[in-house]
N, C-alpha and C. Protein backbone atom coordinates (compact mmCIF):
# COMPACT_ATOMS: atom_id res chain seq x y z
N MET A 1 101.61 66.82 108.13
CA MET A 1 101.60 68.10 108.84
C MET A 1 102.80 68.16 109.79
N ASP A 2 103.43 69.28 109.81
CA ASP A 2 104.61 69.50 110.64
C ASP A 2 104.17 70.04 112.00
N LEU A 3 104.09 69.16 112.98
CA LEU A 3 103.58 69.56 114.30
C LEU A 3 104.51 70.53 115.02
N THR A 4 105.82 70.37 114.84
CA THR A 4 106.78 71.28 115.46
C THR A 4 106.58 72.70 114.92
N PHE A 5 106.43 72.80 113.60
CA PHE A 5 106.19 74.11 112.97
C PHE A 5 104.89 74.72 113.51
N GLU A 6 103.83 73.92 113.54
CA GLU A 6 102.53 74.43 114.01
C GLU A 6 102.61 74.91 115.45
N LYS A 7 103.33 74.18 116.30
CA LYS A 7 103.48 74.58 117.70
C LYS A 7 104.27 75.89 117.79
N ARG A 8 105.35 76.02 117.04
CA ARG A 8 106.13 77.25 117.03
C ARG A 8 105.26 78.43 116.62
N TRP A 9 104.42 78.22 115.59
CA TRP A 9 103.55 79.29 115.09
C TRP A 9 102.52 79.68 116.15
N ARG A 10 101.87 78.67 116.76
CA ARG A 10 100.87 78.95 117.80
C ARG A 10 101.52 79.68 118.99
N ASP A 11 102.73 79.27 119.37
CA ASP A 11 103.41 79.91 120.49
C ASP A 11 103.71 81.37 120.18
N LEU A 12 104.15 81.64 118.96
CA LEU A 12 104.42 83.03 118.57
C LEU A 12 103.14 83.85 118.60
N LEU A 13 102.06 83.31 118.03
CA LEU A 13 100.78 84.04 118.04
C LEU A 13 100.36 84.35 119.47
N LYS A 14 100.48 83.37 120.36
CA LYS A 14 100.08 83.56 121.75
C LYS A 14 100.91 84.67 122.40
N THR A 15 102.21 84.67 122.17
CA THR A 15 103.10 85.69 122.73
C THR A 15 102.70 87.07 122.22
N LEU A 16 102.48 87.19 120.92
CA LEU A 16 102.13 88.50 120.34
C LEU A 16 100.75 88.95 120.78
N GLU A 17 99.81 88.01 120.90
CA GLU A 17 98.46 88.37 121.35
C GLU A 17 98.48 88.89 122.78
N GLN A 18 99.34 88.30 123.61
CA GLN A 18 99.47 88.80 124.99
C GLN A 18 100.12 90.18 124.99
N ARG A 19 101.14 90.35 124.17
CA ARG A 19 101.87 91.63 124.13
C ARG A 19 100.98 92.76 123.62
N PHE A 20 100.14 92.46 122.62
CA PHE A 20 99.32 93.52 122.01
C PHE A 20 97.87 93.47 122.46
N ALA A 21 97.57 92.62 123.42
CA ALA A 21 96.24 92.54 124.04
C ALA A 21 95.12 92.37 123.02
N GLY A 22 95.33 91.46 122.08
CA GLY A 22 94.28 91.18 121.10
C GLY A 22 94.78 90.21 120.06
N PRO A 23 93.87 89.75 119.23
CA PRO A 23 94.24 88.76 118.22
C PRO A 23 95.17 89.34 117.14
N VAL A 24 96.08 88.53 116.65
CA VAL A 24 96.96 88.92 115.55
C VAL A 24 96.90 87.83 114.48
N ASP A 25 97.15 88.24 113.24
CA ASP A 25 97.21 87.27 112.15
C ASP A 25 98.49 87.53 111.36
N LEU A 26 98.73 86.74 110.34
CA LEU A 26 99.97 86.85 109.58
C LEU A 26 100.16 88.26 109.01
N ASN A 27 99.12 88.83 108.41
CA ASN A 27 99.25 90.18 107.85
C ASN A 27 99.57 91.22 108.92
N GLY A 28 98.95 91.08 110.08
CA GLY A 28 99.22 92.00 111.18
C GLY A 28 100.66 91.89 111.66
N ILE A 29 101.17 90.65 111.70
CA ILE A 29 102.55 90.44 112.13
C ILE A 29 103.51 91.03 111.09
N ILE A 30 103.20 90.84 109.82
CA ILE A 30 104.05 91.41 108.77
C ILE A 30 104.08 92.94 108.89
N PHE A 31 102.92 93.53 109.15
CA PHE A 31 102.86 94.98 109.35
C PHE A 31 103.73 95.40 110.54
N LEU A 32 103.65 94.65 111.64
CA LEU A 32 104.46 94.96 112.83
C LEU A 32 105.96 94.89 112.51
N VAL A 33 106.35 93.91 111.73
CA VAL A 33 107.76 93.80 111.33
C VAL A 33 108.17 95.03 110.54
N GLY A 34 107.29 95.48 109.63
CA GLY A 34 107.59 96.69 108.85
C GLY A 34 107.78 97.91 109.72
N VAL A 35 106.90 98.08 110.70
CA VAL A 35 107.00 99.22 111.63
C VAL A 35 108.30 99.11 112.42
N GLN A 36 108.59 97.91 112.91
CA GLN A 36 109.83 97.67 113.67
C GLN A 36 111.06 98.00 112.83
N GLU A 37 111.07 97.56 111.59
CA GLU A 37 112.23 97.76 110.73
C GLU A 37 112.38 99.21 110.29
N LEU A 38 111.26 99.92 110.17
CA LEU A 38 111.34 101.34 109.83
C LEU A 38 112.05 102.09 110.95
N GLY A 39 111.75 101.70 112.20
CA GLY A 39 112.47 102.25 113.33
C GLY A 39 112.09 103.67 113.70
N GLN A 40 110.95 104.13 113.26
CA GLN A 40 110.48 105.46 113.64
C GLN A 40 109.48 105.30 114.77
N HIS A 41 109.16 106.41 115.42
CA HIS A 41 108.20 106.35 116.52
C HIS A 41 106.83 105.87 116.03
N ALA A 42 106.09 105.26 116.93
CA ALA A 42 104.75 104.78 116.58
C ALA A 42 103.87 105.98 116.26
N ARG A 43 103.12 105.86 115.19
CA ARG A 43 102.24 106.95 114.77
C ARG A 43 101.18 106.38 113.84
N GLU A 44 100.27 107.22 113.42
CA GLU A 44 99.30 106.81 112.42
C GLU A 44 99.98 106.85 111.06
N PHE A 45 99.81 105.78 110.29
CA PHE A 45 100.40 105.73 108.96
C PHE A 45 99.30 105.91 107.91
N LYS A 46 99.65 106.63 106.83
CA LYS A 46 98.72 106.78 105.71
C LYS A 46 98.65 105.45 104.95
N LYS A 47 97.63 105.32 104.13
CA LYS A 47 97.42 104.06 103.41
C LYS A 47 98.65 103.67 102.58
N ASP A 48 99.23 104.61 101.85
CA ASP A 48 100.40 104.26 101.03
C ASP A 48 101.60 103.89 101.90
N GLU A 49 101.69 104.49 103.09
CA GLU A 49 102.77 104.13 104.01
C GLU A 49 102.57 102.71 104.55
N LYS A 50 101.32 102.34 104.80
CA LYS A 50 101.04 100.98 105.28
C LYS A 50 101.45 99.95 104.23
N VAL A 51 101.16 100.24 102.97
CA VAL A 51 101.58 99.35 101.88
C VAL A 51 103.10 99.25 101.85
N ALA A 52 103.77 100.40 101.99
CA ALA A 52 105.23 100.42 101.99
C ALA A 52 105.80 99.64 103.17
N LEU A 53 105.15 99.74 104.32
CA LEU A 53 105.60 98.99 105.51
C LEU A 53 105.48 97.48 105.29
N MET A 54 104.41 97.06 104.64
CA MET A 54 104.24 95.63 104.33
C MET A 54 105.36 95.19 103.38
N HIS A 55 105.68 96.04 102.41
CA HIS A 55 106.75 95.72 101.45
C HIS A 55 108.10 95.61 102.16
N ILE A 56 108.37 96.56 103.05
CA ILE A 56 109.62 96.53 103.83
C ILE A 56 109.71 95.21 104.59
N ALA A 57 108.63 94.86 105.27
CA ALA A 57 108.64 93.64 106.07
C ALA A 57 108.89 92.40 105.21
N ILE A 58 108.22 92.32 104.07
CA ILE A 58 108.40 91.16 103.19
C ILE A 58 109.85 91.08 102.73
N CYS A 59 110.42 92.21 102.37
CA CYS A 59 111.83 92.22 101.95
C CYS A 59 112.75 91.79 103.08
N VAL A 60 112.52 92.32 104.27
CA VAL A 60 113.35 91.98 105.43
C VAL A 60 113.20 90.48 105.76
N LEU A 61 111.96 90.00 105.73
CA LEU A 61 111.71 88.61 106.08
C LEU A 61 112.31 87.64 105.07
N LEU A 62 112.33 88.03 103.80
CA LEU A 62 112.82 87.12 102.76
C LEU A 62 114.30 87.34 102.41
N ALA A 63 114.91 88.39 102.94
CA ALA A 63 116.34 88.63 102.68
C ALA A 63 117.23 87.46 103.13
N PRO A 64 116.99 86.87 104.31
CA PRO A 64 117.85 85.75 104.72
C PRO A 64 117.76 84.53 103.78
N TYR A 65 116.70 84.48 102.99
CA TYR A 65 116.53 83.38 102.03
C TYR A 65 117.15 83.72 100.68
N GLY A 66 117.75 84.91 100.59
CA GLY A 66 118.45 85.30 99.38
C GLY A 66 117.59 85.95 98.31
N TYR A 67 116.36 86.36 98.65
CA TYR A 67 115.47 86.95 97.65
C TYR A 67 115.64 88.46 97.52
N TYR A 68 116.03 89.12 98.61
CA TYR A 68 116.19 90.58 98.61
C TYR A 68 117.46 90.97 99.35
N LYS A 69 117.98 92.16 99.00
CA LYS A 69 119.05 92.74 99.80
C LYS A 69 118.74 94.22 99.99
N GLU A 70 119.12 94.73 101.16
CA GLU A 70 118.86 96.14 101.46
C GLU A 70 119.88 96.99 100.74
N LEU A 71 119.40 98.06 100.10
CA LEU A 71 120.27 99.00 99.39
C LEU A 71 120.69 100.16 100.26
N GLY A 72 119.90 100.43 101.29
CA GLY A 72 120.17 101.57 102.16
C GLY A 72 118.87 102.28 102.48
N ARG A 73 119.00 103.44 103.08
CA ARG A 73 117.81 104.20 103.48
C ARG A 73 117.80 105.56 102.79
N ASP A 74 116.58 106.05 102.55
CA ASP A 74 116.46 107.35 101.91
C ASP A 74 116.55 108.46 102.96
N ALA A 75 116.40 109.69 102.53
CA ALA A 75 116.55 110.85 103.42
C ALA A 75 115.54 110.83 104.58
N ASP A 76 114.39 110.17 104.37
CA ASP A 76 113.36 110.08 105.41
C ASP A 76 113.56 108.85 106.30
N GLY A 77 114.60 108.07 106.04
CA GLY A 77 114.88 106.91 106.87
C GLY A 77 114.20 105.62 106.45
N TRP A 78 113.54 105.63 105.30
CA TRP A 78 112.86 104.43 104.82
C TRP A 78 113.85 103.54 104.08
N PRO A 79 113.90 102.25 104.45
CA PRO A 79 114.82 101.35 103.76
C PRO A 79 114.34 101.01 102.35
N HIS A 80 115.31 100.77 101.47
CA HIS A 80 114.99 100.37 100.10
C HIS A 80 115.72 99.06 99.80
N PHE A 81 115.09 98.23 99.00
CA PHE A 81 115.59 96.89 98.73
C PHE A 81 115.66 96.63 97.24
N GLU A 82 116.45 95.64 96.91
CA GLU A 82 116.56 95.17 95.53
C GLU A 82 116.26 93.68 95.54
N ARG A 83 115.46 93.23 94.57
CA ARG A 83 115.20 91.81 94.47
C ARG A 83 116.43 91.16 93.85
N VAL A 84 116.95 90.14 94.51
CA VAL A 84 118.17 89.47 94.07
C VAL A 84 117.81 88.28 93.18
N LYS A 85 116.75 87.58 93.56
CA LYS A 85 116.28 86.47 92.74
C LYS A 85 114.78 86.36 92.87
N ASP A 86 114.16 85.79 91.85
CA ASP A 86 112.71 85.64 91.85
C ASP A 86 112.28 84.54 92.82
N LEU A 87 111.13 84.76 93.42
CA LEU A 87 110.54 83.70 94.23
C LEU A 87 110.10 82.57 93.31
N PRO A 88 110.17 81.34 93.79
CA PRO A 88 109.67 80.25 92.96
C PRO A 88 108.14 80.35 92.85
N PRO A 89 107.56 79.75 91.83
CA PRO A 89 106.09 79.76 91.74
C PRO A 89 105.50 78.97 92.91
N LEU A 90 104.71 79.65 93.72
CA LEU A 90 104.12 79.02 94.90
C LEU A 90 102.62 79.24 94.88
N ASN A 91 101.88 78.23 95.34
CA ASN A 91 100.44 78.45 95.50
C ASN A 91 100.22 79.21 96.81
N GLU A 92 98.97 79.55 97.08
CA GLU A 92 98.66 80.38 98.24
C GLU A 92 99.12 79.74 99.55
N LYS A 93 98.90 78.45 99.69
CA LYS A 93 99.30 77.75 100.92
C LYS A 93 100.82 77.74 101.07
N GLU A 94 101.53 77.53 99.98
CA GLU A 94 102.99 77.51 100.02
C GLU A 94 103.54 78.91 100.34
N GLN A 95 102.90 79.94 99.78
CA GLN A 95 103.31 81.32 100.09
C GLN A 95 103.13 81.61 101.58
N GLU A 96 101.98 81.20 102.10
CA GLU A 96 101.69 81.43 103.51
C GLU A 96 102.71 80.69 104.39
N ARG A 97 103.04 79.46 104.03
CA ARG A 97 104.01 78.68 104.80
C ARG A 97 105.38 79.37 104.77
N LEU A 98 105.82 79.83 103.61
CA LEU A 98 107.10 80.51 103.49
C LEU A 98 107.13 81.75 104.38
N MET A 99 106.06 82.54 104.34
CA MET A 99 106.03 83.76 105.15
C MET A 99 105.99 83.43 106.64
N LYS A 100 105.25 82.40 107.03
CA LYS A 100 105.23 82.01 108.44
C LYS A 100 106.61 81.55 108.89
N GLU A 101 107.29 80.76 108.06
CA GLU A 101 108.66 80.32 108.38
C GLU A 101 109.57 81.53 108.55
N ALA A 102 109.46 82.49 107.64
CA ALA A 102 110.30 83.68 107.70
C ALA A 102 110.00 84.51 108.94
N VAL A 103 108.74 84.61 109.30
CA VAL A 103 108.34 85.33 110.52
C VAL A 103 108.91 84.63 111.75
N LEU A 104 108.79 83.32 111.79
CA LEU A 104 109.33 82.57 112.93
C LEU A 104 110.84 82.78 113.03
N ASP A 105 111.53 82.70 111.91
CA ASP A 105 112.98 82.91 111.91
C ASP A 105 113.31 84.31 112.43
N TYR A 106 112.54 85.30 112.01
CA TYR A 106 112.75 86.69 112.41
C TYR A 106 112.61 86.85 113.93
N PHE A 107 111.54 86.29 114.49
CA PHE A 107 111.28 86.47 115.92
C PHE A 107 112.13 85.56 116.79
N GLU A 108 112.65 84.49 116.23
CA GLU A 108 113.44 83.55 117.02
C GLU A 108 114.92 83.90 117.04
N LYS A 109 115.32 84.87 116.20
CA LYS A 109 116.75 85.24 116.23
C LYS A 109 117.01 86.44 117.11
C-alpha cells in the first residue's frame, strides 16, 4: 500500500469536505471538475448535462496522461475532446487508482 498516496488522497478529501461542508467521494469530485472546466455559472444541470460534465472531467483528468486532447468548444461553450489512445485494460481497483491519481494531479497543480 502506498501510504504517501493514501495521505494525499485523505488530505484532498478533507479539504474539499471543509470547502463544500459535507462528504465528497470520487464521483462527486469528478463532477466538480467537470463543472469547473465547463466554466459556466453554477446552476441546476439536467441529467444528460451531468453525464456530459462527468465525461468532460474524465477527459480533462486523463489528458495529461496522453489519453485525450481537447478539440475546442462548441457554440454553447462546452469543450469537446478526442481520444488519442485507448486506456489499458484495468480492473475496477486499477481504474479507481488511476482516476484518484489524476484528480490529485489536477488539484495539486
